[in-house]
Amino acid sequence: MPTRRHLLTTALAVALLRPGPARAAIAPGPFEVTRTEAEWRAMLTETQFAVMREGATERAYTSDLLGEERPGLYHCRGCDLPLYDAAAKYDSGTGWPSFRDVLPDAIGTMEDRQLIFILRTECHCRRCGSHLGHIFDDGPEPTGLRHCLNGVSLVFRPAA
């Protein structure tokens, strides 16, 4: 016969291992730029679609943008909205392009509770809703923020 301790331990394990509440793959709209799933798939690679439209994360240290150091702007791959200035980019040592600040009115945020015991802030393009990455409060001054982004969600446009 199971003991009370066994029942409590089992109940706790089930609660911790159960998937959290379902969340949308991208932020809820409406957005200025909209496309059908077929249109998104036609314009994006499989990895880009998984990250931008389904909320996946690219593998660390795989982005060509990690070593990019020229002045310029980082745009949304989905709608070409300027999001981040290269002057705000820094090497966070995480394996993803990281920025201490964002351009005005460029992104939206929402809670991401995909990981047990961890609440993250997800960021997305405010114009098309594409998933960009997450924002953490362990960045450098003056903002103290780290916008940790998927390089596949971005297009770099060098300054003229």
N, C-alpha and C. Protein backbone atom coordinates (compact mmCIF):
# COMPACT_ATOMS: atom_id res chain seq x y z
N MET A 1 0.84 -1.17 0.00
CA MET A 1 0.00 0.00 0.00
C MET A 1 0.89 1.25 0.00
N PRO A 2 0.61 2.21 -0.90
CA PRO A 2 1.46 3.40 -0.99
C PRO A 2 1.34 4.26 0.27
N THR A 3 2.46 4.81 0.65
CA THR A 3 2.48 5.70 1.81
C THR A 3 2.08 7.11 1.37
N ARG A 4 1.78 7.93 2.34
CA ARG A 4 1.43 9.31 2.04
C ARG A 4 2.59 10.03 1.36
N ARG A 5 3.80 9.77 1.84
CA ARG A 5 5.00 10.38 1.26
C ARG A 5 5.14 9.97 -0.21
N HIS A 6 4.90 8.70 -0.51
CA HIS A 6 4.99 8.20 -1.88
C HIS A 6 3.97 8.90 -2.77
N LEU A 7 2.74 9.04 -2.28
CA LEU A 7 1.70 9.71 -3.06
C LEU A 7 2.05 11.17 -3.32
N LEU A 8 2.56 11.87 -2.31
CA LEU A 8 2.94 13.27 -2.48
C LEU A 8 4.11 13.42 -3.45
N THR A 9 5.09 12.54 -3.34
CA THR A 9 6.24 12.57 -4.25
C THR A 9 5.79 12.31 -5.68
N THR A 10 4.92 11.35 -5.88
CA THR A 10 4.41 11.04 -7.22
C THR A 10 3.62 12.21 -7.79
N ALA A 11 2.77 12.82 -6.97
CA ALA A 11 1.98 13.96 -7.42
C ALA A 11 2.88 15.13 -7.81
N LEU A 12 3.92 15.38 -7.03
CA LEU A 12 4.86 16.45 -7.34
C LEU A 12 5.59 16.16 -8.65
N ALA A 13 6.05 14.94 -8.84
CA ALA A 13 6.75 14.57 -10.07
C ALA A 13 5.86 14.74 -11.29
N VAL A 14 4.61 14.33 -11.18
CA VAL A 14 3.68 14.48 -12.30
C VAL A 14 3.46 15.96 -12.61
N ALA A 15 3.31 16.77 -11.58
CA ALA A 15 3.10 18.21 -11.78
C ALA A 15 4.30 18.86 -12.44
N LEU A 16 5.49 18.45 -12.06
CA LEU A 16 6.71 19.06 -12.62
C LEU A 16 6.99 18.59 -14.03
N LEU A 17 6.66 17.37 -14.35
CA LEU A 17 6.97 16.81 -15.66
C LEU A 17 5.88 17.07 -16.70
N ARG A 18 4.70 17.45 -16.23
CA ARG A 18 3.61 17.72 -17.14
C ARG A 18 3.95 18.96 -17.97
N PRO A 19 3.69 18.92 -19.27
CA PRO A 19 3.94 20.11 -20.08
C PRO A 19 3.13 21.28 -19.58
N GLY A 20 3.70 22.46 -19.67
CA GLY A 20 3.01 23.67 -19.25
C GLY A 20 1.88 24.00 -20.19
N PRO A 21 1.19 25.09 -19.92
CA PRO A 21 0.09 25.48 -20.78
C PRO A 21 0.60 25.75 -22.18
N ALA A 22 -0.19 25.34 -23.15
CA ALA A 22 0.21 25.56 -24.54
C ALA A 22 0.32 27.04 -24.80
N ARG A 23 1.28 27.42 -25.60
CA ARG A 23 1.41 28.82 -25.97
C ARG A 23 1.46 28.91 -27.48
N ALA A 24 1.11 30.04 -27.99
CA ALA A 24 1.15 30.24 -29.43
C ALA A 24 2.60 30.15 -29.90
N ALA A 25 2.79 29.69 -31.11
CA ALA A 25 4.14 29.60 -31.67
C ALA A 25 4.74 30.99 -31.82
N ILE A 26 3.90 31.95 -32.13
CA ILE A 26 4.37 33.34 -32.21
C ILE A 26 3.42 34.19 -31.39
N ALA A 27 3.76 35.43 -31.26
CA ALA A 27 2.93 36.35 -30.48
C ALA A 27 1.56 36.50 -31.13
N PRO A 28 0.56 36.75 -30.30
CA PRO A 28 -0.77 36.97 -30.86
C PRO A 28 -0.82 38.28 -31.63
N GLY A 29 -1.53 38.30 -32.72
CA GLY A 29 -1.63 39.49 -33.57
C GLY A 29 -2.76 40.38 -33.12
N PRO A 30 -3.27 41.21 -33.99
CA PRO A 30 -2.97 41.26 -35.42
C PRO A 30 -1.68 42.03 -35.69
N PHE A 31 -1.10 41.79 -36.86
CA PHE A 31 0.14 42.43 -37.27
C PHE A 31 -0.06 43.17 -38.58
N GLU A 32 0.80 44.15 -38.81
CA GLU A 32 0.74 44.91 -40.07
C GLU A 32 1.09 44.03 -41.25
N VAL A 33 2.06 43.14 -41.08
CA VAL A 33 2.48 42.23 -42.14
C VAL A 33 1.98 40.84 -41.80
N THR A 34 1.16 40.28 -42.68
CA THR A 34 0.65 38.93 -42.48
C THR A 34 0.88 38.11 -43.75
N ARG A 35 1.10 36.83 -43.55
CA ARG A 35 1.28 35.89 -44.65
C ARG A 35 0.64 34.57 -44.26
N THR A 36 0.30 33.79 -45.26
CA THR A 36 -0.19 32.44 -44.98
C THR A 36 1.01 31.57 -44.60
N GLU A 37 0.72 30.42 -44.01
CA GLU A 37 1.81 29.49 -43.69
C GLU A 37 2.58 29.11 -44.95
N ALA A 38 1.88 28.91 -46.05
CA ALA A 38 2.54 28.55 -47.31
C ALA A 38 3.47 29.67 -47.79
N GLU A 39 3.04 30.91 -47.64
CA GLU A 39 3.89 32.05 -48.04
C GLU A 39 5.13 32.14 -47.16
N TRP A 40 4.96 31.93 -45.83
CA TRP A 40 6.12 31.95 -44.94
C TRP A 40 7.08 30.83 -45.32
N ARG A 41 6.56 29.64 -45.54
CA ARG A 41 7.42 28.50 -45.88
C ARG A 41 8.16 28.72 -47.19
N ALA A 42 7.54 29.41 -48.13
CA ALA A 42 8.18 29.66 -49.42
C ALA A 42 9.34 30.65 -49.30
N MET A 43 9.26 31.55 -48.33
CA MET A 43 10.31 32.58 -48.22
C MET A 43 11.39 32.27 -47.19
N LEU A 44 11.16 31.25 -46.34
CA LEU A 44 12.11 30.93 -45.27
C LEU A 44 12.65 29.52 -45.42
N THR A 45 13.87 29.31 -44.93
CA THR A 45 14.40 27.95 -44.86
C THR A 45 13.64 27.20 -43.76
N GLU A 46 13.85 25.91 -43.69
CA GLU A 46 13.20 25.10 -42.66
C GLU A 46 13.56 25.60 -41.25
N THR A 47 14.84 25.90 -41.04
CA THR A 47 15.29 26.39 -39.73
C THR A 47 14.70 27.77 -39.43
N GLN A 48 14.72 28.66 -40.40
CA GLN A 48 14.15 29.99 -40.20
C GLN A 48 12.66 29.89 -39.86
N PHE A 49 11.93 29.03 -40.55
CA PHE A 49 10.51 28.86 -40.27
C PHE A 49 10.30 28.33 -38.85
N ALA A 50 11.07 27.32 -38.48
CA ALA A 50 10.93 26.73 -37.14
C ALA A 50 11.17 27.77 -36.06
N VAL A 51 12.17 28.62 -36.24
CA VAL A 51 12.48 29.65 -35.24
C VAL A 51 11.47 30.78 -35.28
N MET A 52 11.26 31.36 -36.45
CA MET A 52 10.47 32.58 -36.56
C MET A 52 8.97 32.35 -36.43
N ARG A 53 8.47 31.21 -36.90
CA ARG A 53 7.03 30.98 -36.91
C ARG A 53 6.56 29.96 -35.89
N GLU A 54 7.50 29.13 -35.37
CA GLU A 54 7.12 28.10 -34.41
C GLU A 54 7.79 28.28 -33.05
N GLY A 55 8.64 29.31 -32.92
CA GLY A 55 9.25 29.62 -31.63
C GLY A 55 10.43 28.75 -31.24
N ALA A 56 11.04 28.05 -32.19
CA ALA A 56 12.21 27.23 -31.88
C ALA A 56 13.43 28.12 -31.62
N THR A 57 14.54 27.49 -31.28
CA THR A 57 15.80 28.20 -31.05
C THR A 57 16.88 27.57 -31.90
N GLU A 58 17.65 28.41 -32.60
CA GLU A 58 18.75 27.85 -33.38
C GLU A 58 19.86 27.39 -32.44
N ARG A 59 20.69 26.49 -32.91
CA ARG A 59 21.80 26.00 -32.09
C ARG A 59 22.78 27.12 -31.80
N ALA A 60 23.32 27.11 -30.60
CA ALA A 60 24.32 28.12 -30.20
C ALA A 60 25.55 28.03 -31.10
N TYR A 61 26.18 29.17 -31.32
CA TYR A 61 27.43 29.31 -32.09
C TYR A 61 27.29 28.92 -33.55
N THR A 62 26.09 28.95 -34.11
CA THR A 62 25.92 28.63 -35.53
C THR A 62 25.62 29.85 -36.38
N SER A 63 25.33 31.00 -35.77
CA SER A 63 24.95 32.19 -36.53
C SER A 63 26.15 32.89 -37.14
N ASP A 64 26.04 33.22 -38.41
CA ASP A 64 27.06 34.01 -39.09
C ASP A 64 27.16 35.42 -38.51
N LEU A 65 26.14 35.85 -37.81
CA LEU A 65 26.12 37.21 -37.27
C LEU A 65 26.93 37.37 -35.99
N LEU A 66 27.36 36.27 -35.40
CA LEU A 66 28.14 36.37 -34.15
C LEU A 66 29.39 37.22 -34.33
N GLY A 67 30.09 37.04 -35.43
CA GLY A 67 31.33 37.77 -35.65
C GLY A 67 31.16 39.09 -36.37
N GLU A 68 29.94 39.46 -36.69
CA GLU A 68 29.68 40.71 -37.41
C GLU A 68 29.96 41.90 -36.50
N GLU A 69 30.88 42.79 -36.95
CA GLU A 69 31.27 43.93 -36.12
C GLU A 69 31.14 45.27 -36.82
N ARG A 70 30.64 45.27 -38.05
CA ARG A 70 30.51 46.53 -38.79
C ARG A 70 29.33 47.35 -38.27
N PRO A 71 29.40 48.68 -38.46
CA PRO A 71 28.24 49.51 -38.14
C PRO A 71 27.08 49.17 -39.08
N GLY A 72 25.87 49.30 -38.60
CA GLY A 72 24.70 49.03 -39.42
C GLY A 72 23.51 48.70 -38.57
N LEU A 73 22.51 48.14 -39.20
CA LEU A 73 21.27 47.80 -38.51
C LEU A 73 20.91 46.34 -38.76
N TYR A 74 20.28 45.74 -37.77
CA TYR A 74 19.77 44.38 -37.88
C TYR A 74 18.27 44.47 -38.09
N HIS A 75 17.80 43.87 -39.18
CA HIS A 75 16.39 43.93 -39.57
C HIS A 75 15.73 42.57 -39.35
N CYS A 76 14.40 42.60 -39.23
CA CYS A 76 13.62 41.37 -39.16
C CYS A 76 13.67 40.68 -40.53
N ARG A 77 13.98 39.40 -40.54
CA ARG A 77 14.01 38.64 -41.78
C ARG A 77 12.60 38.50 -42.37
N GLY A 78 11.59 38.56 -41.53
CA GLY A 78 10.22 38.36 -41.99
C GLY A 78 9.59 39.56 -42.67
N CYS A 79 9.97 40.77 -42.26
CA CYS A 79 9.31 41.96 -42.83
C CYS A 79 10.25 43.14 -43.05
N ASP A 80 11.52 42.98 -42.78
CA ASP A 80 12.55 43.99 -43.00
C ASP A 80 12.45 45.21 -42.08
N LEU A 81 11.75 45.10 -40.97
CA LEU A 81 11.69 46.19 -40.00
C LEU A 81 13.03 46.31 -39.29
N PRO A 82 13.63 47.51 -39.22
CA PRO A 82 14.86 47.68 -38.44
C PRO A 82 14.57 47.43 -36.96
N LEU A 83 15.39 46.57 -36.33
CA LEU A 83 15.16 46.17 -34.94
C LEU A 83 16.26 46.63 -33.99
N TYR A 84 17.51 46.40 -34.38
CA TYR A 84 18.64 46.64 -33.48
C TYR A 84 19.76 47.36 -34.22
N ASP A 85 20.39 48.30 -33.54
CA ASP A 85 21.56 49.00 -34.06
C ASP A 85 22.80 48.19 -33.69
N ALA A 86 23.72 48.07 -34.63
CA ALA A 86 24.95 47.33 -34.37
C ALA A 86 25.73 47.91 -33.19
N ALA A 87 25.56 49.19 -32.91
CA ALA A 87 26.26 49.81 -31.78
C ALA A 87 25.82 49.22 -30.44
N ALA A 88 24.65 48.59 -30.39
CA ALA A 88 24.15 47.99 -29.15
C ALA A 88 24.51 46.50 -29.04
N LYS A 89 25.19 45.96 -30.03
CA LYS A 89 25.56 44.54 -30.04
C LYS A 89 26.80 44.33 -29.18
N TYR A 90 26.84 43.18 -28.51
CA TYR A 90 28.03 42.83 -27.72
C TYR A 90 28.15 41.32 -27.67
N ASP A 91 29.34 40.84 -27.29
CA ASP A 91 29.58 39.41 -27.17
C ASP A 91 29.22 38.97 -25.76
N SER A 92 28.10 38.27 -25.63
CA SER A 92 27.63 37.83 -24.31
C SER A 92 28.25 36.50 -23.91
N GLY A 93 28.94 35.83 -24.85
CA GLY A 93 29.54 34.54 -24.57
C GLY A 93 28.53 33.40 -24.56
N THR A 94 27.30 33.68 -25.01
CA THR A 94 26.25 32.66 -24.98
C THR A 94 26.14 31.86 -26.26
N GLY A 95 26.71 32.38 -27.35
CA GLY A 95 26.60 31.69 -28.63
C GLY A 95 25.50 32.21 -29.52
N TRP A 96 24.81 33.27 -29.09
CA TRP A 96 23.78 33.91 -29.89
C TRP A 96 24.08 35.40 -29.97
N PRO A 97 23.72 36.06 -31.08
CA PRO A 97 23.89 37.51 -31.15
C PRO A 97 23.13 38.17 -30.00
N SER A 98 23.79 39.07 -29.30
CA SER A 98 23.18 39.72 -28.14
C SER A 98 23.28 41.23 -28.25
N PHE A 99 22.25 41.89 -27.75
CA PHE A 99 22.15 43.34 -27.83
C PHE A 99 21.73 43.88 -26.48
N ARG A 100 22.24 45.06 -26.12
CA ARG A 100 21.87 45.67 -24.83
C ARG A 100 20.63 46.54 -24.96
N ASP A 101 20.23 46.88 -26.18
CA ASP A 101 19.07 47.74 -26.36
C ASP A 101 18.46 47.51 -27.74
N VAL A 102 17.25 47.96 -27.92
CA VAL A 102 16.47 47.76 -29.14
C VAL A 102 16.08 49.13 -29.70
N LEU A 103 15.83 49.20 -30.99
CA LEU A 103 15.35 50.44 -31.59
C LEU A 103 13.92 50.72 -31.10
N PRO A 104 13.53 51.99 -31.03
CA PRO A 104 12.19 52.33 -30.54
C PRO A 104 11.08 51.67 -31.37
N ASP A 105 10.06 51.18 -30.68
CA ASP A 105 8.86 50.61 -31.29
C ASP A 105 9.17 49.50 -32.30
N ALA A 106 10.18 48.68 -32.01
CA ALA A 106 10.57 47.63 -32.94
C ALA A 106 10.09 46.24 -32.53
N ILE A 107 10.00 45.98 -31.24
CA ILE A 107 9.65 44.63 -30.80
C ILE A 107 8.45 44.64 -29.86
N GLY A 108 7.89 43.46 -29.71
CA GLY A 108 6.88 43.21 -28.70
C GLY A 108 7.41 42.11 -27.80
N THR A 109 6.84 41.97 -26.63
CA THR A 109 7.29 40.92 -25.71
C THR A 109 6.08 40.18 -25.15
N MET A 110 6.35 38.98 -24.66
CA MET A 110 5.33 38.20 -23.96
C MET A 110 6.04 37.20 -23.06
N GLU A 111 5.32 36.69 -22.07
CA GLU A 111 5.88 35.68 -21.17
C GLU A 111 6.08 34.37 -21.91
N ASP A 112 7.17 33.69 -21.57
CA ASP A 112 7.45 32.36 -22.09
C ASP A 112 7.69 31.46 -20.87
N ARG A 113 6.78 30.53 -20.65
CA ARG A 113 6.88 29.62 -19.50
C ARG A 113 7.14 28.20 -19.96
N GLN A 114 7.89 28.02 -21.03
CA GLN A 114 8.17 26.70 -21.57
C GLN A 114 9.04 25.86 -20.64
N LEU A 115 9.91 26.50 -19.88
CA LEU A 115 10.83 25.78 -19.00
C LEU A 115 10.29 25.77 -17.57
N ILE A 116 10.36 24.63 -16.93
CA ILE A 116 9.88 24.50 -15.55
C ILE A 116 10.69 25.42 -14.64
N PHE A 117 10.03 26.15 -13.77
CA PHE A 117 10.63 27.05 -12.78
C PHE A 117 11.29 28.29 -13.37
N ILE A 118 11.21 28.48 -14.69
CA ILE A 118 11.87 29.64 -15.29
C ILE A 118 10.85 30.43 -16.10
N LEU A 119 10.73 31.69 -15.78
CA LEU A 119 9.90 32.60 -16.55
C LEU A 119 10.84 33.43 -17.40
N ARG A 120 10.63 33.37 -18.71
CA ARG A 120 11.47 34.16 -19.61
C ARG A 120 10.59 35.18 -20.33
N THR A 121 11.23 36.21 -20.86
CA THR A 121 10.53 37.19 -21.68
C THR A 121 10.92 36.95 -23.12
N GLU A 122 9.94 36.56 -23.91
CA GLU A 122 10.17 36.33 -25.34
C GLU A 122 10.00 37.64 -26.09
N CYS A 123 10.83 37.86 -27.10
CA CYS A 123 10.65 39.05 -27.93
C CYS A 123 10.34 38.63 -29.36
N HIS A 124 9.54 39.45 -29.99
CA HIS A 124 9.13 39.18 -31.36
C HIS A 124 9.04 40.51 -32.12
N CYS A 125 9.07 40.41 -33.43
CA CYS A 125 8.93 41.60 -34.28
C CYS A 125 7.52 42.15 -34.09
N ARG A 126 7.41 43.43 -33.82
CA ARG A 126 6.10 44.01 -33.58
C ARG A 126 5.30 44.14 -34.87
N ARG A 127 5.97 44.09 -36.04
CA ARG A 127 5.25 44.27 -37.31
C ARG A 127 4.73 42.97 -37.92
N CYS A 128 5.48 41.86 -37.77
CA CYS A 128 5.04 40.59 -38.37
C CYS A 128 4.89 39.46 -37.37
N GLY A 129 5.29 39.70 -36.11
CA GLY A 129 5.11 38.69 -35.07
C GLY A 129 6.17 37.62 -35.02
N SER A 130 7.17 37.67 -35.87
CA SER A 130 8.20 36.63 -35.89
C SER A 130 8.97 36.55 -34.58
N HIS A 131 9.19 35.33 -34.11
CA HIS A 131 9.96 35.08 -32.89
C HIS A 131 11.41 35.46 -33.14
N LEU A 132 11.97 36.27 -32.25
CA LEU A 132 13.36 36.71 -32.37
C LEU A 132 14.25 36.02 -31.34
N GLY A 133 13.81 35.92 -30.11
CA GLY A 133 14.62 35.35 -29.05
C GLY A 133 14.03 35.71 -27.70
N HIS A 134 14.92 35.95 -26.72
CA HIS A 134 14.49 36.24 -25.35
C HIS A 134 15.28 37.40 -24.78
N ILE A 135 14.71 38.03 -23.77
CA ILE A 135 15.35 39.14 -23.08
C ILE A 135 15.60 38.73 -21.64
N PHE A 136 16.84 38.92 -21.20
CA PHE A 136 17.25 38.58 -19.83
C PHE A 136 17.78 39.83 -19.13
N ASP A 137 17.78 39.82 -17.81
CA ASP A 137 18.23 40.99 -17.06
C ASP A 137 19.67 40.86 -16.56
N ASP A 138 20.50 40.16 -17.33
CA ASP A 138 21.91 39.98 -16.94
C ASP A 138 22.86 40.63 -17.95
N GLY A 139 22.41 41.68 -18.62
CA GLY A 139 23.22 42.34 -19.62
C GLY A 139 24.05 43.48 -19.06
N PRO A 140 24.83 44.11 -19.92
CA PRO A 140 25.70 45.21 -19.49
C PRO A 140 24.93 46.52 -19.33
N GLU A 141 25.55 47.45 -18.65
CA GLU A 141 24.98 48.80 -18.53
C GLU A 141 25.02 49.45 -19.91
N PRO A 142 24.20 50.40 -20.21
CA PRO A 142 23.36 51.12 -19.27
C PRO A 142 21.99 50.47 -19.05
N THR A 143 21.58 49.50 -19.86
CA THR A 143 20.23 48.95 -19.71
C THR A 143 20.17 47.77 -18.75
N GLY A 144 21.27 47.03 -18.62
CA GLY A 144 21.27 45.82 -17.81
C GLY A 144 20.55 44.66 -18.47
N LEU A 145 20.17 44.83 -19.74
CA LEU A 145 19.42 43.80 -20.46
C LEU A 145 20.30 43.09 -21.48
N ARG A 146 19.92 41.84 -21.74
CA ARG A 146 20.56 41.05 -22.81
C ARG A 146 19.45 40.54 -23.71
N HIS A 147 19.36 41.11 -24.89
CA HIS A 147 18.44 40.62 -25.91
C HIS A 147 19.21 39.51 -26.63
N CYS A 148 18.90 38.28 -26.31
CA CYS A 148 19.60 37.11 -26.83
C CYS A 148 18.77 36.60 -28.01
N LEU A 149 19.29 36.78 -29.22
CA LEU A 149 18.49 36.59 -30.43
C LEU A 149 18.98 35.43 -31.29
N ASN A 150 18.05 34.90 -32.06
CA ASN A 150 18.36 33.90 -33.07
C ASN A 150 18.83 34.63 -34.33
N GLY A 151 20.04 34.36 -34.75
CA GLY A 151 20.58 35.02 -35.93
C GLY A 151 19.75 34.75 -37.18
N VAL A 152 19.10 33.60 -37.27
CA VAL A 152 18.31 33.28 -38.46
C VAL A 152 17.08 34.18 -38.58
N SER A 153 16.70 34.87 -37.52
CA SER A 153 15.56 35.78 -37.55
C SER A 153 15.95 37.17 -38.05
N LEU A 154 17.26 37.40 -38.20
CA LEU A 154 17.77 38.73 -38.52
C LEU A 154 18.46 38.78 -39.86
N VAL A 155 18.47 39.98 -40.44
CA VAL A 155 19.26 40.30 -41.63
C VAL A 155 20.08 41.52 -41.26
N PHE A 156 21.40 41.47 -41.49
CA PHE A 156 22.25 42.61 -41.18
C PHE A 156 22.40 43.48 -42.42
N ARG A 157 22.18 44.78 -42.25
CA ARG A 157 22.36 45.75 -43.32
C ARG A 157 23.46 46.72 -42.89
N PRO A 158 24.65 46.61 -43.50
CA PRO A 158 25.75 47.52 -43.12
C PRO A 158 25.41 48.97 -43.41
N ALA A 159 25.99 49.88 -42.60
CA ALA A 159 25.81 51.30 -42.82
C ALA A 159 26.44 51.69 -44.15
N ALA A 160 25.86 52.69 -44.78
CA ALA A 160 26.35 53.14 -46.09
C ALA A 160 27.69 53.84 -45.96
